[in-house]
PDB file of N, CA and C in Angstrom:
ATOM      1  N   GLU A   1      80.842 123.167 107.987  1.00  0.00           N
ATOM      2  CA  GLU A   1      80.393 121.810 107.733  1.00  0.00           C
ATOM      3  C   GLU A   1      81.507 120.997 107.068  1.00  0.00           C
ATOM      4  N   ARG A   2      82.130 121.539 106.037  1.00  0.00           N
ATOM      5  CA  ARG A   2      83.171 120.799 105.327  1.00  0.00           C
ATOM      6  C   ARG A   2      84.437 120.633 106.155  1.00  0.00           C
ATOM      7  N   SER A   3      84.699 121.536 107.075  1.00  0.00           N
ATOM      8  CA  SER A   3      85.938 121.435 107.848  1.00  0.00           C
ATOM      9  C   SER A   3      85.965 120.184 108.723  1.00  0.00           C
ATOM     10  N   GLU A   4      84.819 119.577 108.982  1.00  0.00           N
ATOM     11  CA  GLU A   4      84.780 118.360 109.787  1.00  0.00           C
ATOM     12  C   GLU A   4      85.037 117.118 108.951  1.00  0.00           C
ATOM     13  N   LYS A   5      85.035 117.248 107.664  1.00  0.00           N
ATOM     14  CA  LYS A   5      85.257 116.113 106.782  1.00  0.00           C
ATOM     15  C   LYS A   5      86.741 115.937 106.512  1.00  0.00           C
ATOM     16  N   SER A   6      87.087 114.738 106.131  1.00  0.00           N
ATOM     17  CA  SER A   6      88.456 114.498 105.717  1.00  0.00           C
ATOM     18  C   SER A   6      88.575 114.816 104.231  1.00  0.00           C
ATOM     19  N   VAL A   7      89.781 115.140 103.828  1.00  0.00           N
ATOM     20  CA  VAL A   7      90.072 115.430 102.432  1.00  0.00           C
ATOM     21  C   VAL A   7      90.875 114.262 101.885  1.00  0.00           C
ATOM     22  N   HIS A   8      90.394 113.702 100.783  1.00  0.00           N
ATOM     23  CA  HIS A   8      91.044 112.556 100.167  1.00  0.00           C
ATOM     24  C   HIS A   8      91.705 113.016  98.865  1.00  0.00           C
ATOM     25  N   ILE A   9      92.990 112.728  98.748  1.00  0.00           N
ATOM     26  CA  ILE A   9      93.745 113.175  97.576  1.00  0.00           C
ATOM     27  C   ILE A   9      94.191 111.971  96.761  1.00  0.00           C
ATOM     28  N   VAL A  10      93.892 112.013  95.477  1.00  0.00           N
ATOM     29  CA  VAL A  10      94.294 110.984  94.518  1.00  0.00           C
ATOM     30  C   VAL A  10      95.202 111.638  93.482  1.00  0.00           C
ATOM     31  N   GLU A  11      95.770 110.845  92.619  1.00  0.00           N
ATOM     32  CA  GLU A  11      96.670 111.410  91.604  1.00  0.00           C
ATOM     33  C   GLU A  11      95.914 112.059  90.453  1.00  0.00           C
ATOM     34  N   SER A  12      94.963 111.339  89.876  1.00  0.00           N
ATOM     35  CA  SER A  12      94.353 111.834  88.637  1.00  0.00           C
ATOM     36  C   SER A  12      93.002 112.510  88.852  1.00  0.00           C
ATOM     37  N   GLU A  13      92.720 113.439  87.973  1.00  0.00           N
ATOM     38  CA  GLU A  13      91.443 114.146  87.995  1.00  0.00           C
ATOM     39  C   GLU A  13      90.292 113.179  87.736  1.00  0.00           C
ATOM     40  N   LYS A  14      90.535 112.191  86.851  1.00  0.00           N
ATOM     41  CA  LYS A  14      89.522 111.177  86.554  1.00  0.00           C
ATOM     42  C   LYS A  14      89.117 110.437  87.819  1.00  0.00           C
ATOM     43  N   THR A  15      90.081 110.049  88.610  1.00  0.00           N
ATOM     44  CA  THR A  15      89.800 109.312  89.836  1.00  0.00           C
ATOM     45  C   THR A  15      89.067 110.190  90.844  1.00  0.00           C
ATOM     46  N   ALA A  16      89.466 111.441  90.973  1.00  0.00           N
ATOM     47  CA  ALA A  16      88.774 112.355  91.889  1.00  0.00           C
ATOM     48  C   ALA A  16      87.317 112.520  91.478  1.00  0.00           C
ATOM     49  N   PHE A  17      87.060 112.638  90.185  1.00  0.00           N
ATOM     50  CA  PHE A  17      85.705 112.779  89.674  1.00  0.00           C
ATOM     51  C   PHE A  17      84.869 111.539  89.986  1.00  0.00           C
ATOM     52  N   ILE A  18      85.417 110.366  89.682  1.00  0.00           N
ATOM     53  CA  ILE A  18      84.697 109.106  89.930  1.00  0.00           C
ATOM     54  C   ILE A  18      84.442 108.915  91.426  1.00  0.00           C
ATOM     55  N   MET A  19      85.439 109.190  92.242  1.00  0.00           N
ATOM     56  CA  MET A  19      85.280 108.986  93.677  1.00  0.00           C
ATOM     57  C   MET A  19      84.295 109.966  94.296  1.00  0.00           C
ATOM     58  N   THR A  20      84.141 111.140  93.715  1.00  0.00           N
ATOM     59  CA  THR A  20      83.129 112.089  94.193  1.00  0.00           C
ATOM     60  C   THR A  20      81.739 111.495  94.015  1.00  0.00           C
ATOM     61  N   ILE A  21      81.558 110.711  92.977  1.00  0.00           N
ATOM     62  CA  ILE A  21      80.271 110.042  92.740  1.00  0.00           C
ATOM     63  C   ILE A  21      80.127 108.820  93.642  1.00  0.00           C
ATOM     64  N   VAL A  22      81.194 108.027  93.759  1.00  0.00           N
ATOM     65  CA  VAL A  22      81.161 106.782  94.530  1.00  0.00           C
ATOM     66  C   VAL A  22      81.078 107.051  96.036  1.00  0.00           C
ATOM     67  N   LYS A  23      81.836 108.011  96.514  1.00  0.00           N
ATOM     68  CA  LYS A  23      81.917 108.337  97.942  1.00  0.00           C
ATOM     69  C   LYS A  23      81.716 109.843  98.148  1.00  0.00           C
ATOM     70  N   PRO A  24      80.496 110.348  97.947  1.00  0.00           N
ATOM     71  CA  PRO A  24      80.260 111.798  98.027  1.00  0.00           C
ATOM     72  C   PRO A  24      80.384 112.379  99.431  1.00  0.00           C
ATOM     73  N   GLU A  25      80.457 111.535 100.439  1.00  0.00           N
ATOM     74  CA  GLU A  25      80.584 112.044 101.808  1.00  0.00           C
ATOM     75  C   GLU A  25      81.969 112.629 102.087  1.00  0.00           C
ATOM     76  N   PHE A  26      82.914 112.398 101.179  1.00  0.00           N
ATOM     77  CA  PHE A  26      84.261 112.931 101.343  1.00  0.00           C
ATOM     78  C   PHE A  26      84.553 114.008 100.300  1.00  0.00           C
ATOM     79  N   ILE A  27      85.502 114.835 100.612  1.00  0.00           N
ATOM     80  CA  ILE A  27      86.008 115.829  99.660  1.00  0.00           C
ATOM     81  C   ILE A  27      87.156 115.157  98.915  1.00  0.00           C
ATOM     82  N   TRP A  28      87.080 115.134  97.574  1.00  0.00           N
ATOM     83  CA  TRP A  28      88.098 114.491  96.731  1.00  0.00           C
ATOM     84  C   TRP A  28      88.842 115.534  95.919  1.00  0.00           C
ATOM     85  N   LEU A  29      90.160 115.470  95.965  1.00  0.00           N
ATOM     86  CA  LEU A  29      91.010 116.360  95.186  1.00  0.00           C
ATOM     87  C   LEU A  29      92.030 115.534  94.412  1.00  0.00           C
ATOM     88  N   ALA A  30      92.488 116.068  93.301  1.00  0.00           N
ATOM     89  CA  ALA A  30      93.533 115.421  92.514  1.00  0.00           C
ATOM     90  C   ALA A  30      94.811 116.241  92.608  1.00  0.00           C
ATOM     91  N   SER A  31      95.929 115.540  92.724  1.00  0.00           N
ATOM     92  CA  SER A  31      97.216 116.236  92.765  1.00  0.00           C
ATOM     93  C   SER A  31      97.681 116.608  91.368  1.00  0.00           C
ATOM     94  N   GLY A  32      97.173 115.893  90.358  1.00  0.00           N
ATOM     95  CA  GLY A  32      97.604 116.130  88.991  1.00  0.00           C
ATOM     96  C   GLY A  32      98.703 115.186  88.549  1.00  0.00           C
ATOM     97  N   GLY A  33      99.117 114.278  89.432  1.00  0.00           N
ATOM     98  CA  GLY A  33     100.147 113.308  89.093  1.00  0.00           C
ATOM     99  C   GLY A  33     101.012 112.986  90.294  1.00  0.00           C
ATOM    100  N   LEU A  34     101.770 111.932  90.181  1.00  0.00           N
ATOM    101  CA  LEU A  34     102.600 111.442  91.286  1.00  0.00           C
ATOM    102  C   LEU A  34     103.494 112.526  91.871  1.00  0.00           C
ATOM    103  N   THR A  35     104.221 113.225  91.036  1.00  0.00           N
ATOM    104  CA  THR A  35     105.193 114.204  91.524  1.00  0.00           C
ATOM    105  C   THR A  35     104.615 115.604  91.686  1.00  0.00           C
ATOM    106  N   MET A  36     103.321 115.747  91.442  1.00  0.00           N
ATOM    107  CA  MET A  36     102.700 117.071  91.534  1.00  0.00           C
ATOM    108  C   MET A  36     102.237 117.418  92.948  1.00  0.00           C
ATOM    109  N   LEU A  37     102.227 116.454  93.855  1.00  0.00           N
ATOM    110  CA  LEU A  37     101.844 116.713  95.239  1.00  0.00           C
ATOM    111  C   LEU A  37     102.996 117.404  95.938  1.00  0.00           C
ATOM    112  N   ASN A  38     102.699 118.531  96.602  1.00  0.00           N
ATOM    113  CA  ASN A  38     103.738 119.241  97.334  1.00  0.00           C
ATOM    114  C   ASN A  38     103.125 119.978  98.520  1.00  0.00           C
ATOM    115  N   LYS A  39     103.984 120.441  99.416  1.00  0.00           N
ATOM    116  CA  LYS A  39     103.526 121.103 100.633  1.00  0.00           C
ATOM    117  C   LYS A  39     102.716 122.363 100.335  1.00  0.00           C
ATOM    118  N   GLY A  40     103.081 123.072  99.300  1.00  0.00           N
ATOM    119  CA  GLY A  40     102.360 124.294  98.945  1.00  0.00           C
ATOM    120  C   GLY A  40     100.898 124.023  98.637  1.00  0.00           C
ATOM    121  N   LYS A  41     100.634 122.913  97.943  1.00  0.00           N
ATOM    122  CA  LYS A  41      99.250 122.561  97.613  1.00  0.00           C
ATOM    123  C   LYS A  41      98.470 122.144  98.852  1.00  0.00           C
ATOM    124  N   LEU A  42      99.160 121.628  99.860  1.00  0.00           N
ATOM    125  CA  LEU A  42      98.486 121.177 101.074  1.00  0.00           C
ATOM    126  C   LEU A  42      98.238 122.295 102.079  1.00  0.00           C
ATOM    127  N   GLU A  43      98.906 123.413 101.924  1.00  0.00           N
ATOM    128  CA  GLU A  43      98.808 124.510 102.899  1.00  0.00           C
ATOM    129  C   GLU A  43      97.361 124.896 103.244  1.00  0.00           C
ATOM    130  N   PRO A  44      96.446 125.050 102.272  1.00  0.00           N
ATOM    131  CA  PRO A  44      95.059 125.402 102.637  1.00  0.00           C
ATOM    132  C   PRO A  44      94.338 124.291 103.411  1.00  0.00           C
ATOM    133  N   LEU A  45      94.901 123.095 103.432  1.00  0.00           N
ATOM    134  CA  LEU A  45      94.279 121.947 104.099  1.00  0.00           C
ATOM    135  C   LEU A  45      94.933 121.640 105.440  1.00  0.00           C
ATOM    136  N   LYS A  46      95.774 122.531 105.910  1.00  0.00           N
ATOM    137  CA  LYS A  46      96.629 122.280 107.070  1.00  0.00           C
ATOM    138  C   LYS A  46      95.871 121.805 108.306  1.00  0.00           C
ATOM    139  N   ASP A  47      94.681 122.294 108.527  1.00  0.00           N
ATOM    140  CA  ASP A  47      93.931 121.932 109.728  1.00  0.00           C
ATOM    141  C   ASP A  47      92.986 120.750 109.526  1.00  0.00           C
ATOM    142  N   LEU A  48      93.020 120.147 108.358  1.00  0.00           N
ATOM    143  CA  LEU A  48      92.119 119.041 108.052  1.00  0.00           C
ATOM    144  C   LEU A  48      92.862 117.703 108.060  1.00  0.00           C
ATOM    145  N   LYS A  49      92.105 116.643 108.232  1.00  0.00           N
ATOM    146  CA  LYS A  49      92.660 115.299 108.112  1.00  0.00           C
ATOM    147  C   LYS A  49      92.804 115.004 106.619  1.00  0.00           C
ATOM    148  N   ILE A  50      94.004 114.612 106.197  1.00  0.00           N
ATOM    149  CA  ILE A  50      94.295 114.360 104.786  1.00  0.00           C
ATOM    150  C   ILE A  50      94.599 112.876 104.602  1.00  0.00           C
ATOM    151  N   ILE A  51      93.886 112.259 103.667  1.00  0.00           N
ATOM    152  CA  ILE A  51      94.150 110.867 103.333  1.00  0.00           C
ATOM    153  C   ILE A  51      94.639 110.818 101.892  1.00  0.00           C
ATOM    154  N   LEU A  52      95.830 110.301 101.702  1.00  0.00           N
ATOM    155  CA  LEU A  52      96.395 110.171 100.361  1.00  0.00           C
ATOM    156  C   LEU A  52      96.071 108.782  99.821  1.00  0.00           C
ATOM    157  N   HIS A  53      95.657 108.735  98.568  1.00  0.00           N
ATOM    158  CA  HIS A  53      95.345 107.477  97.893  1.00  0.00           C
ATOM    159  C   HIS A  53      96.213 107.373  96.639  1.00  0.00           C
ATOM    160  N   PRO A  54      97.460 106.939  96.796  1.00  0.00           N
ATOM    161  CA  PRO A  54      98.348 106.837  95.630  1.00  0.00           C
ATOM    162  C   PRO A  54      97.957 105.668  94.735  1.00  0.00           C
ATOM    163  N   ASP A  55      98.372 105.745  93.483  1.00  0.00           N
ATOM    164  CA  ASP A  55      98.217 104.620  92.575  1.00  0.00           C
ATOM    165  C   ASP A  55      99.062 103.460  93.117  1.00  0.00           C
ATOM    166  N   ARG A  56      98.747 102.256  92.675  1.00  0.00           N
ATOM    167  CA  ARG A  56      99.478 101.088  93.150  1.00  0.00           C
ATOM    168  C   ARG A  56     100.905 101.080  92.598  1.00  0.00           C
ATOM    169  N   GLY A  57     101.863 100.693  93.427  1.00  0.00           N
ATOM    170  CA  GLY A  57     103.252 100.596  92.999  1.00  0.00           C
ATOM    171  C   GLY A  57     104.131 101.670  93.609  1.00  0.00           C
ATOM    172  N   LYS A  58     104.991 102.231  92.806  1.00  0.00           N
ATOM    173  CA  LYS A  58     105.980 103.218  93.261  1.00  0.00           C
ATOM    174  C   LYS A  58     105.331 104.408  93.963  1.00  0.00           C
ATOM    175  N   ALA A  59     104.172 104.797  93.524  1.00  0.00           N
ATOM    176  CA  ALA A  59     103.494 105.968  94.090  1.00  0.00           C
ATOM    177  C   ALA A  59     103.262 105.808  95.587  1.00  0.00           C
ATOM    178  N   PHE A  60     102.968 104.597  96.025  1.00  0.00           N
ATOM    179  CA  PHE A  60     102.745 104.376  97.453  1.00  0.00           C
ATOM    180  C   PHE A  60     103.993 104.735  98.249  1.00  0.00           C
ATOM    181  N   GLU A  61     105.139 104.287  97.781  1.00  0.00           N
ATOM    182  CA  GLU A  61     106.396 104.586  98.475  1.00  0.00           C
ATOM    183  C   GLU A  61     106.671 106.082  98.510  1.00  0.00           C
ATOM    184  N   VAL A  62     106.468 106.754  97.385  1.00  0.00           N
ATOM    185  CA  VAL A  62     106.742 108.191  97.285  1.00  0.00           C
ATOM    186  C   VAL A  62     105.831 108.971  98.227  1.00  0.00           C
ATOM    187  N   TRP A  63     104.529 108.695  98.167  1.00  0.00           N
ATOM    188  CA  TRP A  63     103.591 109.457  98.990  1.00  0.00           C
ATOM    189  C   TRP A  63     103.709 109.097 100.469  1.00  0.00           C
ATOM    190  N   ASN A  64     104.089 107.878 100.780  1.00  0.00           N
ATOM    191  CA  ASN A  64     104.317 107.496 102.165  1.00  0.00           C
ATOM    192  C   ASN A  64     105.509 108.268 102.732  1.00  0.00           C
ATOM    193  N   GLN A  65     106.523 108.467 101.915  1.00  0.00           N
ATOM    194  CA  GLN A  65     107.683 109.254 102.341  1.00  0.00           C
ATOM    195  C   GLN A  65     107.266 110.700 102.609  1.00  0.00           C
ATOM    196  N   TYR A  66     106.438 111.263 101.725  1.00  0.00           N
ATOM    197  CA  TYR A  66     105.934 112.624 101.957  1.00  0.00           C
ATOM    198  C   TYR A  66     105.210 112.707 103.303  1.00  0.00           C
ATOM    199  N   ALA A  67     104.338 111.738 103.561  1.00  0.00           N
ATOM    200  CA  ALA A  67     103.556 111.740 104.802  1.00  0.00           C
ATOM    201  C   ALA A  67     104.466 111.693 106.027  1.00  0.00           C
ATOM    202  N   ASN A  68     105.544 110.924 105.934  1.00  0.00           N
ATOM    203  CA  ASN A  68     106.487 110.837 107.052  1.00  0.00           C
ATOM    204  C   ASN A  68     107.303 112.111 107.242  1.00  0.00           C
ATOM    205  N   GLU A  69     107.580 112.812 106.161  1.00  0.00           N
ATOM    206  CA  GLU A  69     108.397 114.024 106.232  1.00  0.00           C
ATOM    207  C   GLU A  69     107.584 115.269 106.575  1.00  0.00           C
ATOM    208  N   TRP A  70     106.340 115.328 106.145  1.00  0.00           N
ATOM    209  CA  TRP A  70     105.516 116.524 106.337  1.00  0.00           C
ATOM    210  C   TRP A  70     104.710 116.414 107.629  1.00  0.00           C
ATOM    211  N   ASN A  71     105.390 116.463 108.747  1.00  0.00           N
ATOM    212  CA  ASN A  71     104.782 116.264 110.059  1.00  0.00           C
ATOM    213  C   ASN A  71     103.794 117.351 110.461  1.00  0.00           C
ATOM    214  N   GLU A  72     103.869 118.485 109.838  1.00  0.00           N
ATOM    215  CA  GLU A  72     102.954 119.571 110.203  1.00  0.00           C
ATOM    216  C   GLU A  72     101.528 119.341 109.694  1.00  0.00           C
ATOM    217  N   TYR A  73     101.339 118.311 108.890  1.00  0.00           N
ATOM    218  CA  TYR A  73     100.013 117.963 108.361  1.00  0.00           C
ATOM    219  C   TYR A  73      99.547 116.648 108.965  1.00  0.00           C
ATOM    220  N   LYS A  74      98.233 116.488 109.043  1.00  0.00           N
ATOM    221  CA  LYS A  74      97.635 115.239 109.544  1.00  0.00           C
ATOM    222  C   LYS A  74      97.388 114.333 108.340  1.00  0.00           C
ATOM    223  N   ILE A  75      98.433 113.628 107.915  1.00  0.00           N
ATOM    224  CA  ILE A  75      98.370 112.820 106.694  1.00  0.00           C
ATOM    225  C   ILE A  75      98.394 111.327 107.018  1.00  0.00           C
ATOM    226  N   THR A  76      97.494 110.611 106.354  1.00  0.00           N
ATOM    227  CA  THR A  76      97.478 109.155 106.378  1.00  0.00           C
ATOM    228  C   THR A  76      97.558 108.695 104.933  1.00  0.00           C
ATOM    229  N   VAL A  77      98.304 107.628 104.687  1.00  0.00           N
ATOM    230  CA  VAL A  77      98.396 107.077 103.334  1.00  0.00           C
ATOM    231  C   VAL A  77      97.585 105.776 103.314  1.00  0.00           C
ATOM    232  N   SER A  78      96.582 105.743 102.466  1.00  0.00           N
ATOM    233  CA  SER A  78      95.729 104.571 102.338  1.00  0.00           C
ATOM    234  C   SER A  78      96.474 103.430 101.649  1.00  0.00           C
ATOM    235  N   ARG A  79      96.187 102.208 102.087  1.00  0.00           N
ATOM    236  CA  ARG A  79      96.804 101.019 101.492  1.00  0.00           C
ATOM    237  C   ARG A  79      95.818 100.259 100.606  1.00  0.00           C
ATOM    238  N   ILE A  80      94.657 100.816 100.340  1.00  0.00           N
ATOM    239  CA  ILE A  80      93.619 100.098  99.590  1.00  0.00           C
ATOM    240  C   ILE A  80      94.149  99.566  98.271  1.00  0.00           C
ATOM    241  N   THR A  81      94.739 100.407  97.463  1.00  0.00           N
ATOM    242  CA  THR A  81      95.222  99.941  96.159  1.00  0.00           C
ATOM    243  C   THR A  81      96.491  99.102  96.293  1.00  0.00           C
ATOM    244  N   GLU A  82      97.329  99.454  97.231  1.00  0.00           N
ATOM    245  CA  GLU A  82      98.601  98.746  97.403  1.00  0.00           C
ATOM    246  C   GLU A  82      98.380  97.293  97.831  1.00  0.00           C
ATOM    247  N   ASP A  83      97.369  97.060  98.648  1.00  0.00           N
ATOM    248  CA  ASP A  83      97.127  95.729  99.200  1.00  0.00           C
ATOM    249  C   ASP A  83      96.161  94.882  98.378  1.00  0.00           C
ATOM    250  N   ASN A  84      95.674  95.395  97.263  1.00  0.00           N
ATOM    251  CA  ASN A  84      94.705  94.655  96.460  1.00  0.00           C
ATOM    252  C   ASN A  84      95.393  94.092  95.214  1.00  0.00           C
ATOM    253  N   PRO A  85      95.661  92.784  95.181  1.00  0.00           N
ATOM    254  CA  PRO A  85      96.389  92.192  94.051  1.00  0.00           C
ATOM    255  C   PRO A  85      95.620  92.221  92.724  1.00  0.00           C
ATOM    256  N   GLU A  86      94.318  92.468  92.775  1.00  0.00           N
ATOM    257  CA  GLU A  86      93.540  92.533  91.536  1.00  0.00           C
ATOM    258  C   GLU A  86      93.748  93.851  90.790  1.00  0.00           C
ATOM    259  N   ILE A  87      94.275  94.834  91.476  1.00  0.00           N
ATOM    260  CA  ILE A  87      94.541  96.116  90.837  1.00  0.00           C
ATOM    261  C   ILE A  87      95.954  96.077  90.269  1.00  0.00           C
ATOM    262  N   PRO A  88      96.101  96.357  88.985  1.00  0.00           N
ATOM    263  CA  PRO A  88      97.442  96.299  88.380  1.00  0.00           C
ATOM    264  C   PRO A  88      98.343  97.424  88.888  1.00  0.00           C
ATOM    265  N   VAL A  89      99.644  97.237  88.753  1.00  0.00           N
ATOM    266  CA  VAL A  89     100.585  98.302  89.087  1.00  0.00           C
ATOM    267  C   VAL A  89     100.181  99.539  88.283  1.00  0.00           C
ATOM    268  N   LYS A  90     100.187 100.660  88.931  1.00  0.00           N
ATOM    269  CA  LYS A  90      99.745 101.958  88.405  1.00  0.00           C
ATOM    270  C   LYS A  90      98.222 102.069  88.350  1.00  0.00           C
ATOM    271  N   GLY A  91      97.512 101.035  88.833  1.00  0.00           N
ATOM    272  CA  GLY A  91      96.059 101.123  88.948  1.00  0.00           C
ATOM    273  C   GLY A  91      95.717 102.066  90.089  1.00  0.00           C
ATOM    274  N   ASP A  92      94.505 102.609  90.076  1.00  0.00           N
ATOM    275  CA  ASP A  92      94.154 103.593  91.088  1.00  0.00           C
ATOM    276  C   ASP A  92      92.878 103.234  91.841  1.00  0.00           C
ATOM    277  N   LEU A  93      92.453 104.117  92.717  1.00  0.00           N
ATOM    278  CA  LEU A  93      91.294 103.881  93.562  1.00  0.00           C
ATOM    279  C   LEU A  93      90.014 103.699  92.749  1.00  0.00           C
ATOM    280  N   ALA A  94      89.881 104.405  91.658  1.00  0.00           N
ATOM    281  CA  ALA A  94      88.704 104.222  90.792  1.00  0.00           C
ATOM    282  C   ALA A  94      88.681 102.795  90.250  1.00  0.00           C
ATOM    283  N   ASP A  95      89.830 102.255  89.897  1.00  0.00           N
ATOM    284  CA  ASP A  95      89.903 100.863  89.430  1.00  0.00           C
ATOM    285  C   ASP A  95      89.390  99.915  90.511  1.00  0.00           C
ATOM    286  N   TYR A  96      89.742 100.198  91.762  1.00  0.00           N
ATOM    287  CA  TYR A  96      89.313  99.359  92.877  1.00  0.00           C
ATOM    288  C   TYR A  96      87.788  99.343  92.986  1.00  0.00           C
ATOM    289  N   TYR A  97      87.168 100.505  92.946  1.00  0.00           N
ATOM    290  CA  TYR A  97      85.717 100.575  93.112  1.00  0.00           C
ATOM    291  C   TYR A  97      84.940 100.145  91.872  1.00  0.00           C
ATOM    292  N   LEU A  98      85.549 100.235  90.711  1.00  0.00           N
ATOM    293  CA  LEU A  98      84.841  99.887  89.484  1.00  0.00           C
ATOM    294  C   LEU A  98      85.156  98.484  88.975  1.00  0.00           C
ATOM    295  N   GLN A  99      86.088  97.785  89.590  1.00  0.00           N
ATOM    296  CA  GLN A  99      86.544  96.492  89.061  1.00  0.00           C
ATOM    297  C   GLN A  99      85.412  95.478  88.906  1.00  0.00           C
ATOM    298  N   ASP A 100      84.515  95.370  89.847  1.00  0.00           N
ATOM    299  CA  ASP A 100      83.422  94.404  89.739  1.00  0.00           C
ATOM    300  C   ASP A 100      82.255  94.934  88.926  1.00  0.00           C
ATOM    301  N   ARG A 101      82.093  96.220  88.916  1.00  0.00           N
ATOM    302  CA  ARG A 101      80.948  96.839  88.251  1.00  0.00           C
ATOM    303  C   ARG A 101      80.937  96.621  86.741  1.00  0.00           C
ATOM    304  N   PHE A 102      82.116  96.569  86.131  1.00  0.00           N
ATOM    305  CA  PHE A 102      82.176  96.500  84.674  1.00  0.00           C
ATOM    306  C   PHE A 102      82.789  95.206  84.136  1.00  0.00           C
ATOM    307  N   LYS A 103      82.835  94.176  84.949  1.00  0.00           N
ATOM    308  CA  LYS A 103      83.331  92.879  84.462  1.00  0.00           C
ATOM    309  C   LYS A 103      82.304  92.310  83.485  1.00  0.00           C
ATOM    310  N   THR A 104      82.812  91.758  82.406  1.00  0.00           N
ATOM    311  CA  THR A 104      81.901  91.149  81.435  1.00  0.00           C
ATOM    312  C   THR A 104      81.855  89.649  81.654  1.00  0.00           C
ATOM    313  N   THR A 105      80.748  89.073  81.371  1.00  0.00           N
ATOM    314  CA  THR A 105      80.622  87.631  81.531  1.00  0.00           C
ATOM    315  C   THR A 105      80.667  86.982  80.166  1.00  0.00           C
ATOM    316  N   LYS A 106      81.307  85.830  80.113  1.00  0.00           N
ATOM    317  CA  LYS A 106      81.404  85.096  78.847  1.00  0.00           C
ATOM    318  C   LYS A 106      80.125  84.273  78.649  1.00  0.00           C
ATOM    319  N   ILE A 107      79.671  84.211  77.425  1.00  0.00           N
ATOM    320  CA  ILE A 107      78.456  83.450  77.111  1.00  0.00           C
ATOM    321  C   ILE A 107      78.846  82.095  76.558  1.00  0.00           C
TER     322      ILE A 107
END
């Protein structure tokens, strides 16, 4: 059943936890940080579709380069955070989904 799902990888454990609640139809994993993603960690996922969700900014460039170099994996790099100007540099996917939920209104 799970092998038909895509695996979504984010940088932080916090984001993986939040996204498991927000989007439970996907499998969410954390790399542990920008430079912690490597081919060895992806080996058990070799036959699955992998979607990387880097934090906004430099991380997008780094993970996009990995996706281009690691041709033996089915990797796509999401642009959700990169293309959303409301998310600050180094902001992540959890910020994207929670940005409207916790805005406070002025009285």
